[in-house]
Protein backbone atom coordinates (compact mmCIF):
# COMPACT_ATOMS: atom_id res chain seq x y z
CA UNK A 1 -4.76 9.26 1.51
CA UNK A 2 -7.84 8.29 3.64
CA UNK A 3 -7.58 7.17 7.46
CA UNK A 4 -8.45 3.59 6.18
CA UNK A 5 -5.80 3.55 3.74
CA UNK A 6 -3.19 4.86 6.21
CA UNK A 7 -4.10 2.11 8.59
CA UNK A 8 -4.05 -0.56 5.75
CA UNK A 9 -0.28 0.70 4.91
CA UNK A 10 0.48 -0.57 8.33
CA UNK A 11 0.88 -4.10 7.04
CA UNK A 12 3.27 -3.24 4.30
CA UNK A 13 7.01 -3.72 4.92
CA UNK A 14 7.86 -0.24 4.19
CA UNK A 15 6.39 3.16 5.16
CA UNK A 16 4.81 4.76 2.09
CA UNK A 17 5.74 7.98 0.73
CA UNK A 18 4.25 10.26 3.85
CA UNK A 19 5.06 13.40 5.59
CA UNK A 20 7.37 13.11 8.46
CA UNK A 21 4.44 13.40 10.83
CA UNK A 22 2.64 10.36 9.37
CA UNK A 23 5.80 8.53 9.03
CA UNK A 24 6.32 8.97 12.78
CA UNK A 25 2.96 7.74 13.46
CA UNK A 26 3.33 4.97 10.97
CA UNK A 27 6.43 3.52 12.85
CA UNK A 28 4.93 4.16 16.32
CA UNK A 29 1.90 1.93 15.29
CA UNK A 30 4.18 -0.66 13.88
CA UNK A 31 5.88 -0.88 17.24
CA UNK A 32 9.06 1.22 16.58
CA UNK A 33 8.87 3.80 19.22
CA UNK A 34 12.46 4.71 18.94
CA UNK A 35 12.23 5.58 15.31
CA UNK A 36 9.10 7.39 15.57
CA UNK A 37 10.67 9.43 18.59
CA UNK A 38 13.56 10.33 16.29
CA UNK A 39 11.52 11.47 13.49
CA UNK A 40 9.16 13.44 15.81
CA UNK A 41 12.30 15.27 17.38
CA UNK A 42 13.22 16.59 13.83
CA UNK A 43 9.71 18.35 13.26
CA UNK A 44 10.09 21.68 14.53
CA UNK A 45 6.36 22.80 14.87
CA UNK A 46 3.27 22.23 16.75
CA UNK A 47 2.40 19.03 14.79
CA UNK A 48 5.86 17.44 15.76
CA UNK A 49 5.46 18.58 19.44
CA UNK A 50 1.90 16.87 19.58
CA UNK A 51 3.45 13.65 18.28
CA UNK A 52 6.26 14.11 20.57
CA UNK A 53 3.62 14.56 23.51
CA UNK A 54 1.80 11.39 22.44
CA UNK A 55 4.95 9.42 22.30
CA UNK A 56 6.15 10.38 25.84
CA UNK A 57 2.51 9.58 27.17
CA UNK A 58 2.85 6.24 25.62
CA UNK A 59 6.23 5.75 27.19
CA UNK A 60 4.77 6.72 30.44
CA UNK A 61 6.88 10.06 31.01
CA UNK A 62 3.79 12.12 31.76
CA UNK A 63 5.60 15.17 33.02
CA UNK A 64 7.75 15.37 29.57
CA UNK A 65 4.59 14.68 27.81
CA UNK A 66 2.83 17.56 29.50
CA UNK A 67 5.71 19.86 28.44
CA UNK A 68 5.27 18.70 24.80
CA UNK A 69 1.63 19.26 24.99
CA UNK A 70 2.08 22.90 25.92
CA UNK A 71 4.42 23.41 23.13
CA UNK A 72 1.90 21.72 20.54
CA UNK A 73 -0.87 24.11 21.96
CA UNK A 74 -2.63 21.13 22.86
CA UNK A 75 -4.81 19.94 25.97
CA UNK A 76 -3.00 16.85 27.75
CA UNK A 77 -4.99 14.01 26.24
CA UNK A 78 -6.98 11.99 28.60
CA UNK A 79 -8.45 9.43 25.87
CA UNK A 80 -7.09 5.93 25.15
CA UNK A 81 -3.63 6.04 23.23
CA UNK A 82 -5.34 4.63 20.17
CA UNK A 83 -7.76 7.27 20.18
CA UNK A 84 -5.05 9.93 20.45
CA UNK A 85 -3.17 8.30 17.77
CA UNK A 86 -6.26 8.24 15.61
CA UNK A 87 -7.29 11.84 16.37
CA UNK A 88 -3.53 12.98 15.25
CA UNK A 89 -3.47 10.94 12.23
CA UNK A 90 -7.03 12.27 10.95
CA UNK A 91 -5.74 15.81 11.70
CA UNK A 92 -2.88 15.26 9.44
CA UNK A 93 -4.44 13.55 6.79
CA UNK A 94 -7.12 16.17 6.66
CA UNK A 95 -4.60 19.00 6.13
């Protein structure tokens, strides 16, 4: 799936068949932070931690976000939330 196809899928009523990480981003982009967070919590690797960090940054809990960026081995993001969402999605779609 390309980045454009992933963004286009946001108009659908249901998430396409995606990895858990991409599903978390999909639900976040659709405004369902809670569902995205639940999915991210169940991903026990650096990718899950990165999404978890992004979600807590979006929530405004910067201390918790910083913890999760450390677990993700990622620098604390300073770009826009949309920019970070796009970077995470692109990274996942490339792998």
